[in-house]
C-alpha atoms as a PDB file:
ATOM      1  CA  MET A   1      83.929 -13.223 -79.159  1.00  0.00           C
ATOM      2  CA  SER A   2      82.424 -12.145 -75.854  1.00  0.00           C
ATOM      3  CA  CYS A   3      80.300  -9.049 -75.510  1.00  0.00           C
ATOM      4  CA  LEU A   4      83.239  -7.351 -73.786  1.00  0.00           C
ATOM      5  CA  GLU A   5      85.395  -7.819 -76.863  1.00  0.00           C
ATOM      6  CA  LYS A   6      82.916  -6.242 -79.254  1.00  0.00           C
ATOM      7  CA  GLN A   7      83.505  -2.666 -80.243  1.00  0.00           C
ATOM      8  CA  ILE A   8      80.457  -0.567 -80.854  1.00  0.00           C
ATOM      9  CA  VAL A   9      81.112   2.260 -83.288  1.00  0.00           C
ATOM     10  CA  VAL A  10      78.426   4.929 -83.465  1.00  0.00           C
ATOM     11  CA  PRO A  11      79.720   7.537 -85.920  1.00  0.00           C
ATOM     12  CA  TYR A  12      78.400  11.097 -86.317  1.00  0.00           C
ATOM     13  CA  ILE A  13      76.574  11.406 -83.024  1.00  0.00           C
ATOM     14  CA  ASP A  14      77.272  14.469 -80.894  1.00  0.00           C
ATOM     15  CA  SER A  15      76.866  12.807 -77.557  1.00  0.00           C
ATOM     16  CA  PHE A  16      78.588  11.943 -74.298  1.00  0.00           C
ATOM     17  CA  VAL A  17      77.709   9.019 -72.020  1.00  0.00           C
ATOM     18  CA  GLN A  18      78.823   8.134 -68.501  1.00  0.00           C
ATOM     19  CA  VAL A  19      78.935   4.566 -67.249  1.00  0.00           C
ATOM     20  CA  LEU A  20      79.210   4.066 -63.496  1.00  0.00           C
ATOM     21  CA  LYS A  21      80.886   0.936 -62.197  1.00  0.00           C
ATOM     22  CA  ILE A  22      79.445   0.980 -58.659  1.00  0.00           C
ATOM     23  CA  LEU A  23      81.256  -2.077 -57.211  1.00  0.00           C
ATOM     24  CA  GLU A  24      84.734  -0.618 -57.665  1.00  0.00           C
ATOM     25  CA  ASN A  25      83.646   3.025 -57.321  1.00  0.00           C
ATOM     26  CA  ASN A  26      84.888   3.951 -60.803  1.00  0.00           C
ATOM     27  CA  LYS A  27      83.392   6.071 -63.488  1.00  0.00           C
ATOM     28  CA  ILE A  28      83.961   5.580 -67.180  1.00  0.00           C
ATOM     29  CA  ASP A  29      83.142   8.364 -69.634  1.00  0.00           C
ATOM     30  CA  ILE A  30      82.294   7.177 -73.106  1.00  0.00           C
ATOM     31  CA  ILE A  31      82.706   9.705 -75.892  1.00  0.00           C
ATOM     32  CA  LEU A  32      81.085   8.891 -79.198  1.00  0.00           C
ATOM     33  CA  LYS A  33      82.709   9.872 -82.478  1.00  0.00           C
ATOM     34  CA  LYS A  34      81.502  13.136 -83.957  1.00  0.00           C
ATOM     35  CA  ILE A  35      81.808  14.838 -87.311  1.00  0.00           C
ATOM     36  CA  SER A  36      84.742  17.063 -86.554  1.00  0.00           C
ATOM     37  CA  GLU A  37      88.427  17.241 -87.325  1.00  0.00           C
ATOM     38  CA  HIS A  38      89.320  16.944 -83.608  1.00  0.00           C
ATOM     39  CA  SER A  39      87.082  13.920 -83.045  1.00  0.00           C
ATOM     40  CA  ILE A  40      88.578  12.060 -86.038  1.00  0.00           C
ATOM     41  CA  GLU A  41      92.128  12.746 -84.734  1.00  0.00           C
ATOM     42  CA  GLU A  42      91.116  12.015 -81.165  1.00  0.00           C
ATOM     43  CA  PHE A  43      89.905   8.564 -82.159  1.00  0.00           C
ATOM     44  CA  ALA A  44      93.121   7.953 -84.083  1.00  0.00           C
ATOM     45  CA  ARG A  45      95.218   8.758 -80.972  1.00  0.00           C
ATOM     46  CA  ARG A  46      93.316   6.486 -78.595  1.00  0.00           C
ATOM     47  CA  LYS A  47      95.182   3.561 -77.040  1.00  0.00           C
ATOM     48  CA  LYS A  48      93.884   0.121 -76.098  1.00  0.00           C
ATOM     49  CA  MET A  49      94.485  -0.747 -72.444  1.00  0.00           C
ATOM     50  CA  GLU A  50      93.719  -3.830 -70.400  1.00  0.00           C
ATOM     51  CA  PHE A  51      91.805  -2.790 -67.238  1.00  0.00           C
ATOM     52  CA  TRP A  52      91.539  -6.236 -65.753  1.00  0.00           C
ATOM     53  CA  LYS A  53      92.149  -9.712 -67.082  1.00  0.00           C
ATOM     54  CA  GLY A  54      90.052 -10.211 -70.179  1.00  0.00           C
ATOM     55  CA  PHE A  55      88.737  -6.675 -70.405  1.00  0.00           C
ATOM     56  CA  GLU A  56      90.327  -4.169 -72.758  1.00  0.00           C
ATOM     57  CA  ALA A  57      89.039  -0.779 -73.764  1.00  0.00           C
ATOM     58  CA  PHE A  58      90.282   2.220 -75.681  1.00  0.00           C
ATOM     59  CA  VAL A  59      91.499   5.234 -73.658  1.00  0.00           C
ATOM     60  CA  ALA A  60      91.774   8.776 -74.900  1.00  0.00           C
ATOM     61  CA  ALA A  61      95.177  10.471 -75.037  1.00  0.00           C
ATOM     62  CA  PRO A  62      95.667  12.833 -72.093  1.00  0.00           C
ATOM     63  CA  GLU A  63      95.793  15.820 -74.498  1.00  0.00           C
ATOM     64  CA  ASP A  64      92.330  14.927 -75.694  1.00  0.00           C
ATOM     65  CA  VAL A  65      91.028  14.512 -72.197  1.00  0.00           C
ATOM     66  CA  ILE A  66      92.309  18.026 -71.464  1.00  0.00           C
ATOM     67  CA  ILE A  67      90.623  19.405 -74.588  1.00  0.00           C
ATOM     68  CA  LYS A  68      87.274  17.807 -73.606  1.00  0.00           C
ATOM     69  CA  LYS A  69      87.535  19.183 -70.093  1.00  0.00           C
ATOM     70  CA  LEU A  70      88.274  22.649 -71.475  1.00  0.00           C
ATOM     71  CA  GLU A  71      85.200  22.381 -73.696  1.00  0.00           C
ATOM     72  CA  PHE A  72      83.035  21.169 -70.771  1.00  0.00           C
ATOM     73  CA  TYR A  73      84.380  24.039 -68.618  1.00  0.00           C
ATOM     74  CA  ARG A  74      83.422  26.486 -71.364  1.00  0.00           C
ATOM     75  CA  MET A  75      79.905  25.028 -71.496  1.00  0.00           C
ATOM     76  CA  GLY A  76      79.231  24.760 -67.748  1.00  0.00           C
ATOM     77  CA  GLY A  77      81.893  26.608 -65.806  1.00  0.00           C
ATOM     78  CA  SER A  78      82.500  23.774 -63.338  1.00  0.00           C
ATOM     79  CA  GLU A  79      85.819  24.303 -61.542  1.00  0.00           C
ATOM     80  CA  LYS A  80      86.145  20.510 -61.252  1.00  0.00           C
ATOM     81  CA  HIS A  81      87.283  20.400 -64.882  1.00  0.00           C
ATOM     82  CA  LEU A  82      90.054  22.909 -64.211  1.00  0.00           C
ATOM     83  CA  THR A  83      91.152  20.961 -61.120  1.00  0.00           C
ATOM     84  CA  ASP A  84      91.202  17.731 -63.173  1.00  0.00           C
ATOM     85  CA  ILE A  85      93.251  19.448 -65.891  1.00  0.00           C
ATOM     86  CA  ARG A  86      95.811  20.657 -63.338  1.00  0.00           C
ATOM     87  CA  GLY A  87      96.170  17.124 -62.044  1.00  0.00           C
ATOM     88  CA  ILE A  88      96.653  15.687 -65.546  1.00  0.00           C
ATOM     89  CA  VAL A  89      99.268  18.339 -66.373  1.00  0.00           C
ATOM     90  CA  ALA A  90     101.155  17.745 -63.111  1.00  0.00           C
ATOM     91  CA  GLU A  91     101.247  13.950 -63.431  1.00  0.00           C
ATOM     92  CA  THR A  92     101.312  13.126 -67.107  1.00  0.00           C
ATOM     93  CA  PRO A  93     103.808  13.636 -69.920  1.00  0.00           C
ATOM     94  CA  LEU A  94     102.037  15.599 -72.653  1.00  0.00           C
ATOM     95  CA  ASP A  95     102.505  16.366 -76.316  1.00  0.00           C
ATOM     96  CA  ASN A  96     102.466  20.156 -75.856  1.00  0.00           C
ATOM     97  CA  GLN A  97     102.542  20.784 -79.621  1.00  0.00           C
ATOM     98  CA  CYS A  98      99.425  18.738 -80.157  1.00  0.00           C
ATOM     99  CA  LEU A  99      97.664  20.214 -77.108  1.00  0.00           C
ATOM    100  CA  GLY A 100      98.560  23.789 -77.995  1.00  0.00           C
ATOM    101  CA  GLY A 101      97.474  23.342 -81.597  1.00  0.00           C
ATOM    102  CA  TRP A 102      94.009  22.113 -80.567  1.00  0.00           C
ATOM    103  CA  ILE A 103      93.629  24.799 -77.934  1.00  0.00           C
ATOM    104  CA  PHE A 104      94.280  27.350 -80.660  1.00  0.00           C
ATOM    105  CA  LYS A 105      92.100  25.695 -83.313  1.00  0.00           C
ATOM    106  CA  LEU A 106      89.157  25.315 -80.941  1.00  0.00           C
ATOM    107  CA  SER A 107      89.630  28.819 -79.425  1.00  0.00           C
ATOM    108  CA  LEU A 108      90.118  27.446 -75.906  1.00  0.00           C
ATOM    109  CA  GLN A 109      92.945  29.863 -74.941  1.00  0.00           C
ATOM    110  CA  GLN A 110      90.921  31.658 -72.187  1.00  0.00           C
ATOM    111  CA  GLU A 111      89.847  28.380 -70.648  1.00  0.00           C
ATOM    112  CA  TRP A 112      93.387  27.039 -70.802  1.00  0.00           C
ATOM    113  CA  GLU A 113      94.758  30.192 -69.082  1.00  0.00           C
ATOM    114  CA  LYS A 114      92.272  29.632 -66.255  1.00  0.00           C
ATOM    115  CA  ALA A 115      93.506  26.058 -65.863  1.00  0.00           C
ATOM    116  CA  GLN A 116      97.119  27.182 -65.408  1.00  0.00           C
END
């Protein structure tokens, strides 16, 4: 098994890491599993995707990306998160029941209204 095929699981850490892939001008955000109901469900909904031949990684569901961006907007107020959310909503089929449920549970209604 190559190092790219290994999965590193770091449970119960409240952290967020960014990995920059300079050569192709891409950014990968790595979110570590936390002790929360949302994090447990978020990890259950992730999907494995092949990015290039021989390299697969798990990708968050679009609803969970939106939830994270709403949380980041709440913490820092960066309009970039709202712009990103608008783009995801415009271009991606969403499970609105799942998204709405988490927006309610995490009290993100005000942030969601600003993203509309």
